[in-house]
Amino acid sequence: MLRDIMKAVDLSLENQLFRDKVVIFEALWKYVKLMTLKTNMCLLHTVNEPDAIEQEEFA
């Protein structure tokens, strides 16, 4: 009986640890996607910025 209780506790802890790891992974993945989006926006702004400067020179 004690063995069954220990197995149940172990499975419960393993499931909890797995859920925690999944939550952490999902949070990290969202952070990576957000940083990628910000980087792409900065690159797009940098690429478009020289065009604006050239247009001001010719205006």
N, C-alpha and C. Protein backbone atom coordinates (compact mmCIF):
# COMPACT_ATOMS: atom_id res chain seq x y z
N MET A 1 0.82 -1.20 0.00
CA MET A 1 0.00 0.00 0.00
C MET A 1 0.86 1.26 0.00
N LEU A 2 1.91 1.25 0.80
CA LEU A 2 2.81 2.40 0.84
C LEU A 2 3.47 2.62 -0.52
N ARG A 3 3.80 1.49 -1.18
CA ARG A 3 4.41 1.59 -2.50
C ARG A 3 3.45 2.26 -3.49
N ASP A 4 2.19 1.92 -3.43
CA ASP A 4 1.19 2.52 -4.32
C ASP A 4 1.05 4.02 -4.07
N ILE A 5 1.08 4.39 -2.81
CA ILE A 5 1.00 5.82 -2.47
C ILE A 5 2.22 6.56 -3.00
N MET A 6 3.40 5.96 -2.83
CA MET A 6 4.63 6.60 -3.32
C MET A 6 4.60 6.74 -4.84
N LYS A 7 4.11 5.71 -5.53
CA LYS A 7 4.01 5.79 -6.99
C LYS A 7 3.05 6.91 -7.40
N ALA A 8 1.93 7.01 -6.72
CA ALA A 8 0.96 8.05 -7.03
C ALA A 8 1.55 9.43 -6.79
N VAL A 9 2.29 9.59 -5.69
CA VAL A 9 2.92 10.88 -5.39
C VAL A 9 3.98 11.19 -6.44
N ASP A 10 4.78 10.18 -6.81
CA ASP A 10 5.82 10.39 -7.82
C ASP A 10 5.20 10.81 -9.15
N LEU A 11 4.14 10.13 -9.57
CA LEU A 11 3.49 10.49 -10.83
C LEU A 11 2.91 11.90 -10.77
N SER A 12 2.34 12.24 -9.63
CA SER A 12 1.78 13.57 -9.47
C SER A 12 2.87 14.63 -9.57
N LEU A 13 3.99 14.38 -8.92
CA LEU A 13 5.11 15.33 -8.98
C LEU A 13 5.67 15.43 -10.39
N GLU A 14 5.80 14.28 -11.05
CA GLU A 14 6.31 14.30 -12.43
C GLU A 14 5.38 15.10 -13.33
N ASN A 15 4.08 14.88 -13.18
CA ASN A 15 3.12 15.63 -13.99
C ASN A 15 3.20 17.12 -13.70
N GLN A 16 3.36 17.49 -12.44
CA GLN A 16 3.46 18.90 -12.07
C GLN A 16 4.73 19.52 -12.66
N LEU A 17 5.85 18.80 -12.55
CA LEU A 17 7.10 19.30 -13.12
C LEU A 17 6.98 19.44 -14.63
N PHE A 18 6.35 18.48 -15.27
CA PHE A 18 6.17 18.55 -16.72
C PHE A 18 5.32 19.75 -17.09
N ARG A 19 4.23 19.97 -16.35
CA ARG A 19 3.37 21.13 -16.62
C ARG A 19 4.14 22.43 -16.43
N ASP A 20 4.94 22.50 -15.37
CA ASP A 20 5.73 23.70 -15.12
C ASP A 20 6.72 23.95 -16.25
N LYS A 21 7.35 22.88 -16.73
CA LYS A 21 8.30 23.02 -17.83
C LYS A 21 7.59 23.50 -19.10
N VAL A 22 6.40 22.98 -19.35
CA VAL A 22 5.64 23.39 -20.53
C VAL A 22 5.27 24.86 -20.43
N VAL A 23 4.85 25.30 -19.25
CA VAL A 23 4.48 26.70 -19.06
C VAL A 23 5.69 27.60 -19.27
N ILE A 24 6.84 27.19 -18.72
CA ILE A 24 8.06 27.98 -18.89
C ILE A 24 8.45 28.02 -20.36
N PHE A 25 8.37 26.88 -21.05
CA PHE A 25 8.71 26.83 -22.46
C PHE A 25 7.79 27.73 -23.28
N GLU A 26 6.50 27.70 -22.98
CA GLU A 26 5.55 28.55 -23.71
C GLU A 26 5.86 30.02 -23.47
N ALA A 27 6.21 30.38 -22.25
CA ALA A 27 6.54 31.78 -21.95
C ALA A 27 7.80 32.19 -22.69
N LEU A 28 8.81 31.32 -22.70
CA LEU A 28 10.04 31.64 -23.44
C LEU A 28 9.76 31.76 -24.93
N TRP A 29 8.92 30.88 -25.47
CA TRP A 29 8.62 30.92 -26.90
C TRP A 29 7.90 32.22 -27.26
N LYS A 30 6.96 32.66 -26.40
CA LYS A 30 6.28 33.93 -26.65
C LYS A 30 7.28 35.08 -26.61
N TYR A 31 8.23 35.03 -25.68
CA TYR A 31 9.26 36.07 -25.57
C TYR A 31 10.12 36.09 -26.83
N VAL A 32 10.50 34.91 -27.31
CA VAL A 32 11.32 34.84 -28.53
C VAL A 32 10.56 35.41 -29.71
N LYS A 33 9.28 35.07 -29.84
CA LYS A 33 8.48 35.60 -30.95
C LYS A 33 8.34 37.12 -30.84
N LEU A 34 8.16 37.63 -29.63
CA LEU A 34 8.05 39.07 -29.43
C LEU A 34 9.35 39.77 -29.79
N MET A 35 10.48 39.23 -29.36
CA MET A 35 11.77 39.83 -29.68
C MET A 35 12.04 39.77 -31.18
N THR A 36 11.63 38.69 -31.83
CA THR A 36 11.78 38.59 -33.29
C THR A 36 10.95 39.66 -33.98
N LEU A 37 9.73 39.85 -33.52
CA LEU A 37 8.87 40.88 -34.09
C LEU A 37 9.48 42.26 -33.90
N LYS A 38 9.98 42.55 -32.69
CA LYS A 38 10.59 43.86 -32.44
C LYS A 38 11.82 44.06 -33.31
N THR A 39 12.63 43.01 -33.46
CA THR A 39 13.82 43.11 -34.30
C THR A 39 13.43 43.38 -35.74
N ASN A 40 12.43 42.67 -36.24
CA ASN A 40 11.98 42.89 -37.61
C ASN A 40 11.44 44.30 -37.80
N MET A 41 10.72 44.81 -36.81
CA MET A 41 10.20 46.17 -36.91
C MET A 41 11.34 47.18 -36.93
N CYS A 42 12.36 46.96 -36.11
CA CYS A 42 13.51 47.86 -36.10
C CYS A 42 14.24 47.82 -37.43
N LEU A 43 14.41 46.61 -37.99
CA LEU A 43 15.09 46.49 -39.28
C LEU A 43 14.28 47.17 -40.37
N LEU A 44 12.97 47.00 -40.35
CA LEU A 44 12.11 47.64 -41.34
C LEU A 44 12.21 49.15 -41.22
N HIS A 45 12.21 49.65 -40.00
CA HIS A 45 12.33 51.09 -39.78
C HIS A 45 13.68 51.59 -40.28
N THR A 46 14.75 50.83 -40.04
CA THR A 46 16.09 51.22 -40.48
C THR A 46 16.17 51.22 -41.99
N VAL A 47 15.55 50.25 -42.63
CA VAL A 47 15.58 50.17 -44.09
C VAL A 47 14.79 51.32 -44.69
N ASN A 48 13.67 51.69 -44.10
CA ASN A 48 12.83 52.75 -44.65
C ASN A 48 13.34 54.14 -44.29
N GLU A 49 14.14 54.26 -43.26
CA GLU A 49 14.62 55.56 -42.81
C GLU A 49 15.46 56.29 -43.87
N PRO A 50 16.41 55.64 -44.56
CA PRO A 50 17.18 56.37 -45.58
C PRO A 50 16.30 56.95 -46.68
N ASP A 51 15.22 56.26 -47.03
CA ASP A 51 14.32 56.78 -48.06
C ASP A 51 13.71 58.11 -47.61
N ALA A 52 13.34 58.20 -46.35
CA ALA A 52 12.76 59.44 -45.82
C ALA A 52 13.79 60.56 -45.85
N ILE A 53 15.03 60.24 -45.52
CA ILE A 53 16.09 61.26 -45.54
C ILE A 53 16.32 61.75 -46.96
N GLU A 54 16.36 60.82 -47.92
CA GLU A 54 16.56 61.21 -49.32
C GLU A 54 15.39 62.07 -49.81
N GLN A 55 14.18 61.74 -49.43
CA GLN A 55 13.03 62.52 -49.85
C GLN A 55 13.10 63.93 -49.28
N GLU A 56 13.59 64.08 -48.06
CA GLU A 56 13.73 65.41 -47.47
C GLU A 56 14.79 66.22 -48.22
N GLU A 57 15.85 65.56 -48.68
CA GLU A 57 16.91 66.27 -49.40
C GLU A 57 16.39 66.81 -50.73
N PHE A 58 15.55 66.05 -51.41
CA PHE A 58 15.06 66.46 -52.72
C PHE A 58 13.84 67.36 -52.65
N ALA A 59 13.26 67.51 -51.47
CA ALA A 59 12.06 68.33 -51.35
C ALA A 59 12.38 69.80 -51.34
